[in-house]
Protein backbone atom coordinates (compact mmCIF):
# COMPACT_ATOMS: atom_id res chain seq x y z
CA MET A 1 17.91 89.53 298.59
CA ASP A 2 21.36 88.34 299.64
CA VAL A 3 24.36 88.23 297.32
CA SER A 4 24.71 84.82 295.69
CA VAL A 5 28.04 83.30 294.62
CA VAL A 6 28.13 80.12 292.52
CA ASP A 7 31.34 78.19 291.78
CA THR A 8 30.71 76.94 288.25
CA ASP A 9 34.17 75.36 287.96
CA GLY A 10 33.30 73.16 290.94
CA GLN A 11 30.26 71.73 289.14
CA ALA A 12 30.25 68.71 286.88
CA TRP A 13 29.00 69.36 283.34
CA ARG A 14 25.40 68.12 283.00
CA ALA A 15 24.17 66.87 279.63
CA HIS A 16 21.50 69.19 278.22
CA ASP A 17 18.06 67.56 278.36
CA ARG A 18 17.20 68.38 274.71
CA TYR A 19 20.40 68.91 272.71
CA SER A 20 23.02 66.23 272.05
CA GLY A 21 26.63 67.31 272.58
CA VAL A 22 25.58 70.28 274.74
CA TYR A 23 26.53 70.48 278.44
CA VAL A 24 25.39 72.91 281.13
CA ARG A 25 26.52 74.40 284.42
CA ARG A 26 24.26 76.75 286.40
CA ALA A 27 25.80 80.08 287.32
CA THR A 28 22.81 81.23 289.37
CA ASN A 29 21.00 79.35 292.10
CA PRO A 30 17.48 78.31 291.07
CA GLY A 31 14.79 80.29 292.83
CA VAL A 32 17.15 82.98 294.18
CA SER A 33 15.90 85.62 291.75
CA ALA A 34 13.20 85.77 289.10
CA ASP A 35 15.08 88.67 287.49
CA VAL A 36 17.92 86.74 285.88
CA GLU A 37 19.20 83.23 285.16
CA VAL A 38 22.78 82.57 284.06
CA ARG A 39 24.17 79.35 282.59
CA VAL A 40 27.54 78.30 281.25
CA LEU A 41 27.24 75.98 278.26
CA ARG A 42 29.76 73.87 276.37
CA LEU A 43 29.04 72.56 272.87
CA ASP A 44 31.05 69.77 271.25
CA PRO A 45 32.31 70.42 267.70
CA GLY A 46 29.30 70.31 265.35
CA ALA A 47 26.75 70.35 268.20
CA GLU A 48 23.80 72.69 267.85
CA ILE A 49 21.16 74.28 270.01
CA ALA A 50 18.33 74.01 267.48
CA SER A 51 15.93 76.84 266.57
CA HIS A 52 13.90 77.88 269.58
CA ILE A 53 12.36 80.89 271.31
CA HIS A 54 11.98 82.09 274.87
CA ALA A 55 8.53 83.65 274.81
CA GLY A 56 8.90 85.71 277.97
CA SER A 57 12.67 86.09 278.31
CA ALA A 58 15.45 87.77 276.36
CA GLU A 59 18.70 85.81 275.97
CA THR A 60 22.13 87.40 275.89
CA ILE A 61 24.98 85.09 274.88
CA TYR A 62 28.66 85.82 275.44
CA ILE A 63 31.12 83.58 273.60
CA VAL A 64 33.94 82.70 275.97
CA LYS A 65 35.81 80.25 273.74
CA GLY A 66 35.48 78.92 270.20
CA ASP A 67 33.66 79.73 266.97
CA ALA A 68 29.90 79.75 266.50
CA LEU A 69 27.32 80.12 263.79
CA LEU A 70 24.27 82.08 264.93
CA LEU A 71 21.18 81.11 262.96
CA LEU A 72 18.32 83.61 262.76
CA SER A 73 15.18 83.75 260.66
CA GLY A 74 16.95 86.38 258.52
CA GLY A 75 20.15 84.42 257.93
CA GLU A 76 23.42 83.37 259.56
CA GLN A 77 26.14 85.25 261.43
CA ARG A 78 29.58 83.89 262.32
CA CYS A 79 30.71 84.76 265.84
CA SER A 80 33.85 84.01 267.83
CA ALA A 81 35.29 84.42 271.33
CA GLY A 82 34.53 87.89 272.63
CA SER A 83 31.28 88.25 270.65
CA CYS A 84 28.09 89.14 272.48
CA ILE A 85 24.69 88.22 271.01
CA HIS A 86 21.30 89.48 272.16
CA ALA A 87 18.07 87.69 271.20
CA PRO A 88 14.98 89.60 272.37
CA ALA A 89 12.10 87.64 273.88
CA ALA A 90 10.17 85.66 271.22
CA GLN A 91 13.01 85.94 268.63
CA ILE A 92 13.70 82.60 266.92
CA HIS A 93 17.40 81.73 267.18
CA ALA A 94 19.82 78.78 267.09
CA LEU A 95 23.53 78.37 267.75
CA ARG A 96 25.96 75.83 266.28
CA ASN A 97 29.57 75.09 267.18
CA ALA A 98 31.29 75.93 263.88
CA GLY A 99 34.82 75.24 265.12
CA THR A 100 37.04 72.22 265.61
CA GLY A 101 37.24 72.62 269.41
CA ASP A 102 34.72 73.14 272.17
CA LEU A 103 32.47 76.20 272.09
CA GLU A 104 31.90 77.71 275.52
CA ILE A 105 29.25 80.37 276.11
CA ILE A 106 27.57 82.22 278.95
CA ALA A 107 23.80 82.53 278.46
CA ILE A 108 21.93 85.18 280.45
CA PHE A 109 18.12 85.06 280.53
CA THR A 110 16.14 88.11 281.63
CA PRO A 111 13.84 87.50 283.34
CA ALA A 112 14.72 83.96 284.48
CA LEU A 113 13.12 81.17 282.46
CA PRO A 114 9.87 79.99 284.03
CA GLY A 115 9.74 76.58 285.68
CA ARG A 116 13.49 75.92 285.72
């Protein structure tokens, strides 16, 4: 496989297809590798990625900017810029922008999400 470079700053933000106030940029080219998928996401103040699971993929989230509330079946955890979160495959999780400004995260899925 060849090295792949993606200019995320050169992409327009795309509205997420399920979550209001959430915008996405792809940081990996679709179909290049089944091993990993990387996305940059921006959440408006108060926006939330509702409870969900990735049955066959783990998700690692790095908070680039802002304040977040991580919601798990066992409770809540406040996180801020510099925090790194790991949700194993099939772990229910949600993320809300708990700050007054934009929340920006990098989401890494291993392996890549199927059918995307």
